[in-house]
Protein backbone atom coordinates (compact mmCIF):
# COMPACT_ATOMS: atom_id res chain seq x y z
CA MET A 1 25.08 -7.62 -17.11
CA ARG A 2 27.95 -7.12 -19.55
CA ASP A 3 25.58 -8.12 -22.35
CA LEU A 4 23.02 -5.57 -21.13
CA LEU A 5 25.67 -2.85 -20.63
CA PRO A 6 28.21 -3.34 -23.43
CA ASP A 7 29.67 0.13 -22.86
CA VAL A 8 32.64 -0.38 -20.50
CA ARG A 9 32.07 2.92 -18.71
CA ALA A 10 28.39 2.11 -18.08
CA PHE A 11 29.32 -1.33 -16.74
CA ASP A 12 31.94 0.16 -14.40
CA ASP A 13 29.38 2.73 -13.19
CA PHE A 14 26.92 -0.12 -12.59
CA LEU A 15 29.40 -2.08 -10.45
CA ALA A 16 30.32 1.04 -8.47
CA ALA A 17 26.64 1.88 -7.86
CA CYS A 18 25.91 -1.66 -6.64
CA GLN A 19 28.57 -1.27 -3.94
CA ARG A 20 27.26 2.05 -2.59
CA PRO A 21 24.78 2.02 0.33
CA LEU A 22 21.21 2.60 -0.80
CA ARG A 23 19.73 6.02 -0.15
CA ARG A 24 16.79 5.97 2.27
CA SER A 25 13.49 7.34 1.05
CA LEU A 26 9.94 7.89 2.23
CA ARG A 27 6.55 8.71 0.76
CA VAL A 28 4.15 11.16 2.42
CA ASN A 29 0.72 9.62 3.04
CA THR A 30 -1.62 12.24 1.61
CA LEU A 31 -4.64 10.47 3.13
CA LYS A 32 -3.37 11.87 6.44
CA ILE A 33 -1.47 15.04 5.59
CA SER A 34 -0.59 17.17 2.56
CA VAL A 35 3.00 17.25 1.34
CA ALA A 36 3.25 20.95 2.20
CA ASP A 37 1.98 20.43 5.76
CA PHE A 38 4.30 17.45 6.22
CA LEU A 39 7.32 19.50 5.16
CA THR A 40 6.30 22.24 7.59
CA LEU A 41 5.85 19.68 10.38
CA VAL A 42 9.31 18.11 9.96
CA ALA A 43 11.13 21.38 9.15
CA PRO A 44 12.59 21.64 12.71
CA TYR A 45 14.18 18.17 12.41
CA ASP A 46 17.62 17.31 11.06
CA TRP A 47 16.07 15.79 7.94
CA GLN A 48 17.42 16.72 4.50
CA LEU A 49 14.62 15.85 2.07
CA THR A 50 15.28 15.66 -1.67
CA PRO A 51 12.26 15.21 -3.99
CA VAL A 52 11.96 11.97 -5.95
CA PRO A 53 11.35 13.08 -9.57
CA TRP A 54 8.70 10.46 -10.41
CA CYS A 55 6.59 10.77 -7.25
CA ALA A 56 5.34 14.13 -5.96
CA GLU A 57 4.93 12.61 -2.48
CA GLY A 58 8.35 10.90 -2.42
CA PHE A 59 11.60 12.13 -0.87
CA TRP A 60 15.08 10.82 -0.32
CA ILE A 61 16.00 11.45 3.29
CA GLU A 62 19.31 12.09 5.01
CA ARG A 63 19.54 12.65 8.76
CA ASP A 64 22.45 13.98 10.78
CA ASP A 65 21.34 11.84 13.72
CA ASP A 66 19.96 8.50 12.57
CA THR A 67 20.16 6.69 15.92
CA LEU A 68 16.35 6.70 16.12
CA PRO A 69 14.98 4.40 13.39
CA LEU A 70 12.60 6.13 10.99
CA GLY A 71 10.00 3.52 11.89
CA SER A 72 10.05 4.69 15.53
CA THR A 73 9.30 8.34 14.76
CA ALA A 74 5.93 9.76 15.75
CA GLU A 75 5.15 10.64 12.14
CA HIS A 76 5.65 7.06 10.98
CA LEU A 77 3.70 5.50 13.84
CA SER A 78 0.69 7.73 13.09
CA GLY A 79 0.81 6.90 9.37
CA LEU A 80 2.00 10.26 8.04
CA PHE A 81 4.61 8.59 5.86
CA TYR A 82 5.60 5.20 4.50
CA ILE A 83 9.22 4.08 4.31
CA GLN A 84 9.48 3.11 0.65
CA GLU A 85 12.40 2.74 -1.73
CA ALA A 86 12.29 5.45 -4.37
CA SER A 87 12.23 3.15 -7.41
CA SER A 88 9.39 1.19 -5.79
CA MET A 89 7.23 4.32 -6.17
CA LEU A 90 7.51 4.11 -9.97
CA PRO A 91 4.93 1.39 -10.76
CA VAL A 92 2.04 3.27 -9.13
CA SER A 93 3.14 6.51 -10.77
CA ALA A 94 3.02 4.63 -14.09
CA LEU A 95 -0.42 3.19 -13.26
CA PHE A 96 -1.85 6.71 -12.86
CA ALA A 97 0.31 8.30 -15.56
CA ALA A 98 -2.50 9.26 -17.92
CA GLY A 99 -4.43 11.16 -15.26
CA GLU A 100 -7.04 8.41 -15.06
CA THR A 101 -8.77 7.50 -11.80
CA PRO A 102 -9.65 3.81 -11.91
CA GLU A 103 -12.58 2.73 -9.74
CA ARG A 104 -11.47 -0.86 -9.09
CA VAL A 105 -7.79 -1.82 -8.92
CA MET A 106 -5.98 -5.09 -8.17
CA ASP A 107 -2.51 -5.32 -6.63
CA VAL A 108 -1.58 -8.92 -7.39
CA ALA A 109 1.44 -9.27 -5.06
CA ALA A 110 0.78 -6.63 -2.43
CA ALA A 111 2.76 -7.26 0.79
CA PRO A 112 4.15 -5.47 2.67
CA GLY A 113 1.86 -2.75 1.30
CA SER A 114 3.98 0.09 -0.07
CA LYS A 115 2.24 0.10 -3.44
CA THR A 116 -1.24 -0.72 -2.10
CA THR A 117 -1.06 2.26 0.26
CA GLN A 118 0.29 4.44 -2.57
CA ILE A 119 -2.63 3.39 -4.80
CA ALA A 120 -5.13 4.11 -2.00
CA ALA A 121 -3.70 7.61 -1.59
CA LYS A 122 -3.92 8.21 -5.36
CA MET A 123 -7.58 7.11 -5.21
CA ALA A 124 -8.23 9.33 -2.14
CA ASN A 125 -9.59 6.27 -0.29
CA ARG A 126 -12.44 5.94 -2.81
CA GLY A 127 -13.25 3.16 -5.24
CA ALA A 128 -11.94 -0.26 -4.28
CA ILE A 129 -8.62 -2.09 -4.22
CA LEU A 130 -8.19 -5.85 -4.12
CA ALA A 131 -4.80 -6.45 -2.50
CA ASN A 132 -3.61 -10.03 -2.83
CA GLU A 133 -0.70 -11.74 -1.10
CA TYR A 134 0.30 -15.34 -1.69
CA ALA A 135 2.49 -15.74 1.43
CA ALA A 136 0.23 -16.26 4.45
CA SER A 137 2.87 -14.90 6.85
CA ARG A 138 2.86 -11.55 5.04
CA VAL A 139 -0.90 -10.93 4.98
CA LYS A 140 -0.82 -9.75 8.61
CA VAL A 141 1.95 -7.24 7.85
CA LEU A 142 0.01 -6.02 4.81
CA HIS A 143 -3.09 -5.40 6.93
CA ALA A 144 -1.08 -3.63 9.65
CA ASN A 145 0.36 -1.15 7.13
CA ILE A 146 -3.03 -0.54 5.51
CA SER A 147 -4.55 0.11 8.95
CA ARG A 148 -1.73 2.43 10.07
CA CYS A 149 -2.18 4.54 6.94
CA GLY A 150 -5.93 5.00 7.56
CA ILE A 151 -7.10 3.10 4.47
CA ALA A 152 -10.72 1.95 4.16
CA ASN A 153 -11.13 0.89 0.52
CA VAL A 154 -9.08 -2.34 0.47
CA ALA A 155 -10.11 -5.99 0.38
CA LEU A 156 -7.40 -8.54 1.20
CA THR A 157 -7.10 -11.95 -0.44
CA HIS A 158 -4.60 -14.78 0.00
CA PHE A 159 -4.22 -16.68 -3.28
CA ASP A 160 -1.74 -17.69 -5.90
CA GLY A 161 -2.06 -14.74 -8.31
CA ARG A 162 -2.57 -17.13 -11.20
CA VAL A 163 -6.22 -17.73 -10.15
CA PHE A 164 -7.59 -14.25 -10.78
CA GLY A 165 -7.87 -14.35 -14.56
CA ALA A 166 -10.28 -17.27 -14.28
CA ALA A 167 -11.99 -16.22 -11.05
CA LEU A 168 -12.48 -12.51 -11.81
CA PRO A 169 -12.40 -12.01 -15.59
CA GLU A 170 -12.54 -8.39 -16.81
CA GLN A 171 -13.34 -7.06 -13.33
CA PHE A 172 -10.63 -4.41 -12.90
CA ASP A 173 -9.97 -1.00 -14.44
CA ALA A 174 -6.28 -1.28 -13.56
CA VAL A 175 -3.98 -4.06 -12.38
CA LEU A 176 -0.54 -3.77 -10.82
CA LEU A 177 1.64 -6.87 -11.09
CA ASP A 178 4.83 -6.22 -9.16
CA ALA A 179 5.98 -9.72 -9.89
CA PRO A 180 8.08 -12.06 -7.76
CA CYS A 181 11.54 -11.97 -9.32
CA SER A 182 15.21 -12.85 -8.88
CA GLY A 183 15.87 -9.52 -7.14
CA GLU A 184 19.01 -8.56 -9.02
CA GLY A 185 18.25 -4.89 -8.46
CA VAL A 186 18.27 -4.96 -4.65
CA VAL A 187 21.94 -5.77 -3.94
CA ARG A 188 22.51 -2.28 -2.50
CA LYS A 189 19.96 -3.02 0.22
CA ASP A 190 20.68 -6.74 0.57
CA PRO A 191 24.25 -7.83 -0.30
CA ASP A 192 23.15 -11.49 -0.05
CA ALA A 193 20.33 -11.05 -2.60
CA LEU A 194 22.24 -12.96 -5.29
CA LYS A 195 23.64 -15.67 -3.03
CA ASN A 196 21.60 -18.39 -4.78
CA TRP A 197 21.41 -16.69 -8.19
CA SER A 198 21.61 -18.71 -11.40
CA HIS A 199 20.60 -18.10 -14.99
CA ALA A 200 18.47 -21.24 -14.79
CA SER A 201 16.51 -19.70 -11.92
CA ASN A 202 15.93 -16.56 -14.05
CA LEU A 203 14.26 -18.72 -16.68
CA GLU A 204 12.24 -20.65 -14.11
CA ILE A 205 11.00 -17.43 -12.47
CA ALA A 206 10.16 -15.96 -15.89
CA ALA A 207 7.89 -18.94 -16.59
CA THR A 208 5.91 -18.12 -13.43
CA GLN A 209 5.83 -14.44 -14.37
CA ARG A 210 4.30 -15.29 -17.75
CA GLU A 211 1.52 -17.22 -16.03
CA LEU A 212 0.93 -14.32 -13.61
CA ILE A 213 0.79 -11.65 -16.32
CA ASP A 214 -1.57 -13.81 -18.41
CA SER A 215 -3.90 -14.14 -15.41
CA ALA A 216 -3.66 -10.43 -14.61
CA PHE A 217 -4.44 -9.54 -18.21
CA HIS A 218 -7.60 -11.68 -18.16
CA ALA A 219 -8.71 -9.96 -14.94
CA LEU A 220 -8.39 -6.56 -16.65
CA ARG A 221 -11.35 -5.06 -18.49
CA PRO A 222 -10.89 -4.00 -22.13
CA GLY A 223 -9.53 -0.45 -22.12
CA GLY A 224 -7.86 -1.00 -18.76
CA THR A 225 -4.22 -0.54 -17.77
CA LEU A 226 -1.77 -3.19 -16.57
CA VAL A 227 1.54 -2.17 -15.03
CA TYR A 228 4.15 -4.93 -14.87
CA SER A 229 7.20 -4.34 -12.70
CA THR A 230 10.10 -6.18 -11.08
CA CYS A 231 13.14 -5.30 -8.99
CA THR A 232 15.40 -7.34 -11.25
CA LEU A 233 17.53 -6.41 -14.26
CA ASN A 234 17.71 -9.29 -16.76
CA ARG A 235 15.64 -9.16 -19.93
CA GLU A 236 14.12 -12.64 -19.50
CA GLU A 237 12.09 -11.49 -16.48
CA ASN A 238 11.31 -8.06 -17.88
CA GLU A 239 10.99 -7.11 -21.56
CA ALA A 240 10.66 -10.75 -22.63
CA VAL A 241 7.62 -11.30 -20.38
CA CYS A 242 5.85 -8.27 -21.89
CA HIS A 243 6.70 -9.36 -25.43
CA TRP A 244 5.42 -12.86 -24.67
CA LEU A 245 2.03 -11.40 -23.65
CA LYS A 246 1.87 -9.26 -26.79
CA ALA A 247 2.73 -12.25 -28.98
CA ARG A 248 0.01 -14.28 -27.25
CA TYR A 249 -2.66 -11.58 -27.74
CA PRO A 250 -1.34 -9.45 -30.63
CA ASP A 251 -4.65 -7.69 -31.23
CA ALA A 252 -5.32 -6.90 -27.56
CA VAL A 253 -2.00 -5.69 -26.09
CA ALA A 254 -0.57 -2.20 -26.58
CA PHE A 255 2.56 -0.78 -24.96
CA ASP A 256 2.16 2.73 -23.52
CA SER A 257 5.43 4.66 -23.54
CA LEU A 258 6.67 5.99 -20.19
CA ALA A 259 8.92 8.59 -21.86
CA ASP A 260 6.95 11.46 -20.34
CA LEU A 261 6.42 9.97 -16.89
CA PHE A 262 8.96 12.36 -15.34
CA PRO A 263 11.86 14.59 -16.45
CA GLY A 264 14.84 12.34 -17.07
CA ALA A 265 12.79 9.24 -17.87
CA PRO A 266 14.36 8.88 -21.36
CA GLN A 267 17.67 7.95 -19.68
CA ALA A 268 16.15 4.58 -18.74
CA LEU A 269 13.75 4.16 -21.66
CA THR A 270 13.79 1.02 -23.85
CA PRO A 271 12.74 1.09 -27.53
CA ASP A 272 9.30 -0.23 -26.44
CA GLY A 273 8.74 2.63 -23.98
CA PHE A 274 9.50 0.57 -20.86
CA LEU A 275 11.72 1.85 -18.04
CA HIS A 276 14.71 -0.45 -17.46
CA ILE A 277 16.40 1.23 -14.51
CA PHE A 278 19.94 0.35 -13.60
CA PRO A 279 21.07 1.54 -10.13
CA GLN A 280 23.59 4.04 -11.49
CA ILE A 281 21.02 6.00 -13.55
CA TYR A 282 19.06 7.60 -10.70
CA ASP A 283 21.11 6.34 -7.72
CA CYS A 284 18.36 3.97 -6.53
CA GLU A 285 17.53 0.27 -6.62
CA GLY A 286 17.44 -1.46 -9.98
CA PHE A 287 13.89 -1.72 -11.34
CA PHE A 288 11.80 -2.43 -14.41
CA VAL A 289 8.40 -0.89 -15.20
CA ALA A 290 6.12 -1.43 -18.20
CA ARG A 291 2.68 0.05 -18.81
CA LEU A 292 0.39 -2.05 -21.00
CA ARG A 293 -3.12 -1.37 -22.24
CA LYS A 294 -5.80 -3.95 -23.02
CA THR A 295 -7.32 -2.84 -26.30
CA ALA A 296 -9.77 -5.71 -26.79
CA ALA A 297 -11.37 -8.65 -25.01
CA VAL A 298 -9.57 -12.02 -25.12
CA PRO A 299 -10.98 -15.56 -24.88
CA PRO A 300 -11.80 -16.44 -21.25
CA LEU A 301 -9.82 -18.92 -19.19
CA PRO A 302 -11.48 -22.10 -17.86
CA ALA A 303 -13.65 -21.47 -14.79
CA PRO A 304 -11.86 -21.98 -11.46
CA GLY A 305 -12.40 -25.31 -9.74
CA TYR A 306 -12.71 -24.07 -6.17
CA LYS A 307 -15.70 -23.06 -4.05
CA THR A 308 -15.80 -19.74 -2.21
CA GLY A 309 -18.08 -20.96 0.60
CA ASN A 310 -20.85 -18.99 2.27
CA PHE A 311 -20.36 -15.28 2.77
CA PRO A 312 -21.07 -14.68 6.48
CA PHE A 313 -21.98 -10.97 6.20
CA SER A 314 -25.25 -9.23 5.36
CA ARG A 315 -26.05 -5.60 4.52
CA LEU A 316 -27.56 -3.59 7.35
CA LYS A 317 -31.14 -2.47 6.87
CA ALA A 318 -31.83 1.27 6.57
CA LYS A 319 -33.05 1.61 10.17
CA GLU A 320 -29.99 -0.16 11.58
CA GLU A 321 -27.71 1.85 9.30
CA ALA A 322 -29.15 5.07 10.69
CA LEU A 323 -28.59 3.92 14.29
CA VAL A 324 -24.97 2.94 13.65
CA SER A 325 -24.24 6.13 11.71
CA GLN A 326 -25.77 8.28 14.44
CA ALA A 327 -23.79 6.53 17.18
CA ALA A 328 -20.56 6.76 15.16
CA SER A 329 -21.12 10.45 14.46
CA ALA A 330 -21.41 11.05 18.21
CA VAL A 331 -17.76 9.98 18.57
CA GLY A 332 -16.72 11.81 15.41
CA LEU A 333 -16.43 8.81 13.06
CA ARG A 334 -17.70 9.63 9.57
CA TRP A 335 -17.39 8.00 6.16
CA HIS A 336 -18.32 8.72 2.55
CA ASP A 337 -21.11 7.05 0.62
CA GLU A 338 -18.76 4.62 -1.18
CA LEU A 339 -18.48 2.65 2.07
CA HIS A 340 -21.43 0.43 3.02
CA LEU A 341 -22.37 -1.06 6.41
CA TRP A 342 -22.39 -4.85 6.74
CA GLN A 343 -22.84 -7.08 9.76
CA ARG A 344 -21.65 -10.47 10.98
CA ASP A 345 -23.20 -11.48 14.31
CA LYS A 346 -22.36 -8.53 16.59
CA GLU A 347 -19.62 -7.17 14.35
CA VAL A 348 -20.26 -4.10 12.19
CA TRP A 349 -18.03 -3.57 9.16
CA LEU A 350 -17.58 -0.97 6.42
CA PHE A 351 -17.04 -2.48 2.97
CA PRO A 352 -16.00 -0.53 -0.13
CA ALA A 353 -19.01 -0.55 -2.46
CA GLY A 354 -16.78 -1.20 -5.46
CA ILE A 355 -15.82 -4.64 -4.18
CA GLU A 356 -19.38 -5.89 -3.61
CA ALA A 357 -19.67 -7.17 -7.20
CA LEU A 358 -16.88 -9.65 -6.41
CA ILE A 359 -18.61 -11.20 -3.38
CA GLY A 360 -19.27 -14.87 -4.07
CA LYS A 361 -16.62 -15.00 -6.81
CA VAL A 362 -13.56 -15.02 -4.56
CA ARG A 363 -12.86 -15.64 -0.88
CA PHE A 364 -11.62 -12.65 1.14
CA SER A 365 -9.17 -12.74 4.03
CA ARG A 366 -10.37 -9.34 5.21
CA LEU A 367 -12.71 -6.83 3.65
CA GLY A 368 -12.86 -3.10 4.38
CA ILE A 369 -12.52 -2.08 8.02
CA LYS A 370 -14.08 -3.39 11.18
CA LEU A 371 -16.08 -0.48 12.54
CA ALA A 372 -17.49 -1.74 15.84
CA GLU A 373 -18.74 -4.57 17.98
CA ALA A 374 -22.31 -4.17 19.21
CA HIS A 375 -23.07 -4.76 22.91
CA ASN A 376 -25.88 -3.99 25.34
CA LYS A 377 -24.81 -0.41 25.97
CA GLY A 378 -24.06 0.52 22.36
CA TYR A 379 -20.95 -0.01 20.25
CA ARG A 380 -17.32 -0.76 20.96
CA TRP A 381 -15.48 1.20 18.26
CA GLN A 382 -12.44 -0.49 16.73
CA HIS A 383 -8.95 0.96 16.56
CA GLU A 384 -8.60 0.71 12.77
CA ALA A 385 -11.89 2.58 12.33
CA VAL A 386 -10.71 5.41 14.59
CA ILE A 387 -7.44 5.72 12.66
CA ALA A 388 -9.23 5.77 9.30
CA LEU A 389 -12.36 7.79 10.11
CA ALA A 390 -11.72 10.17 13.02
CA GLY A 391 -10.08 12.84 10.83
CA VAL A 392 -8.13 15.85 12.09
CA ASP A 393 -11.08 17.96 13.26
CA ASN A 394 -12.73 15.44 15.55
CA PRO A 395 -15.09 16.89 18.21
CA LEU A 396 -13.75 14.43 20.80
CA ALA A 397 -10.09 15.13 20.04
CA PHE A 398 -7.90 15.20 23.15
CA ALA A 399 -4.36 16.31 22.40
CA LEU A 400 -1.54 14.41 24.08
CA SER A 401 1.85 15.83 24.94
CA HIS A 402 5.03 14.48 23.36
CA GLN A 403 5.68 12.20 26.34
CA GLN A 404 2.03 11.12 26.67
CA ALA A 405 1.95 10.09 23.02
CA GLU A 406 4.99 7.92 23.59
CA GLU A 407 3.29 6.35 26.61
CA TRP A 408 0.26 5.62 24.42
CA TYR A 409 2.37 3.71 21.87
CA ARG A 410 3.87 1.72 24.75
CA GLY A 411 0.35 0.61 25.67
CA ARG A 412 0.21 2.54 28.95
CA ASP A 413 -2.70 4.49 30.38
CA ILE A 414 -2.54 8.29 30.32
CA TYR A 415 -2.87 10.47 33.44
CA PRO A 416 -3.52 14.01 32.15
CA GLU A 417 -3.68 17.03 34.45
CA ALA A 418 -7.09 17.93 33.01
CA LEU A 419 -9.47 15.21 31.89
CA PRO A 420 -11.83 15.36 28.90
CA THR A 421 -15.45 16.21 29.73
CA GLY A 422 -16.99 13.04 28.24
CA ASP A 423 -16.38 9.35 28.82
CA ASP A 424 -14.86 8.85 25.35
CA ALA A 425 -11.90 10.70 23.85
CA ILE A 426 -10.06 10.41 20.55
CA VAL A 427 -6.47 10.92 21.69
CA THR A 428 -4.34 12.80 19.16
CA TYR A 429 -0.76 13.89 18.62
CA GLN A 430 0.33 16.37 15.95
CA GLY A 431 -3.38 16.58 15.12
CA GLN A 432 -3.54 12.89 14.13
CA PRO A 433 -5.82 10.33 15.84
CA LEU A 434 -3.89 7.70 17.81
CA GLY A 435 -6.89 5.78 19.13
CA LEU A 436 -9.97 5.81 21.32
CA ALA A 437 -9.56 6.21 25.09
CA LYS A 438 -12.09 5.73 27.91
CA ARG A 439 -12.09 7.99 30.94
CA VAL A 440 -11.77 5.84 34.06
CA GLY A 441 -11.35 7.85 37.24
CA SER A 442 -8.29 10.05 36.86
CA ARG A 443 -6.89 8.23 33.84
CA LEU A 444 -7.52 7.60 30.17
CA LYS A 445 -7.62 3.85 29.60
CA ASN A 446 -5.38 2.82 26.70
CA SER A 447 -7.04 0.82 23.89
CA TYR A 448 -4.02 0.58 21.60
CA PRO A 449 -4.00 -2.98 20.17
CA ARG A 450 -1.58 -5.22 22.06
CA GLU A 451 0.05 -6.49 18.87
CA LEU A 452 1.03 -2.92 17.93
CA VAL A 453 2.52 -1.92 21.31
CA ARG A 454 6.12 -0.73 20.97
CA ASP A 455 9.14 -1.01 23.22
CA GLY A 456 12.70 0.23 22.84
CA ARG A 457 13.54 3.79 21.93
CA LEU A 458 10.72 5.91 20.55
CA PHE A 459 10.50 9.51 19.43
CA SER A 460 10.84 11.19 22.82
CA GLY A 461 13.86 9.31 24.15
CA GLU A 462 14.96 6.07 25.75
CA ALA A 463 12.57 3.52 27.25
């Protein structure tokens, strides 16, 4: 770090910043609510929100009473915001910096989902995102966050990111590689982050990063954008990786400067136009972000040696599509024409049309959203479909009180004073759908998925 910050004052500021607690931050999920409406909604709270300069939806948050975790607030549970470190919002801002709207995007190392959900919001739930996660244990968390945020345009895969250049050459308009790294920038959040640090491990990790960026670059179409980012600070894992790619493909790699990404960006700018962010510059985690453009095709990699297996889904025929759409509309579930109906046995799914070209080329862990299960009396609508498709003006909306909403998240049935007129109700709180409830006698039967049920203190008080 002394080599990177030869100025004594800058080095002292760096050490001081590393010892300060990290500021908390959140990003408003504009798939669910506008920034203006969110600010109005939380205005009565003791939240001091300071805008993050590089993300219009991002805010640092301070609370006078922080005994209730942010993750237990009603607004978080219903997907109105994502708890995301401010510097982590930079890569997606860089990906969309030129005002482009890519139709097919890959997030190479996606869990737990902060950047995937940010990309989906930027794309307004249209197009298609392939979100990959190598660690099997984290795929479930990734899906849970995508579902909570009401996202329908994502396909999940579970691979080593080094396979995609060979498996899916030139298939993506944009690729985000937030690469596995030594994590030198996260010491403010995790004081033990550097417990096993060594310079040798930096070099070993950088070798993996070079393989990942090479694969990502092959998966990118000519003219497309690749954003490379890490939460580490050394040059070997950052600038050197980008320069290695440019040296490997000198006629196909261009560096796009991030000088104009936001006011104040030049404070962290490198001579190549990358952002090398030390924690003291913007009072956030340390981070590195580079935006690269593929200016020409490159020789393909050898074909992958694995088989994808049979794809167990088939497109619904027009007549069946009409029946499903009509039944879904009756409970207020609607979708745009970039989502297509597919079926596996009695399961009905919605797949993003933009991912269909990749079917048979790669194996998916989960694709789109599960809409329903067919049975003799019709369809059993799925929770993730209700969250993503019910909207805020649903004809079956049944507003819950503060306390009833808390009961819902605890997995308990609701006993309202006045029942809805029909058998089905989309229960809501703050105008947001919480799930589908069935009227059974004097109660609304809770269908909240068991794995999501919460205990402990929630937004209306103690358990």
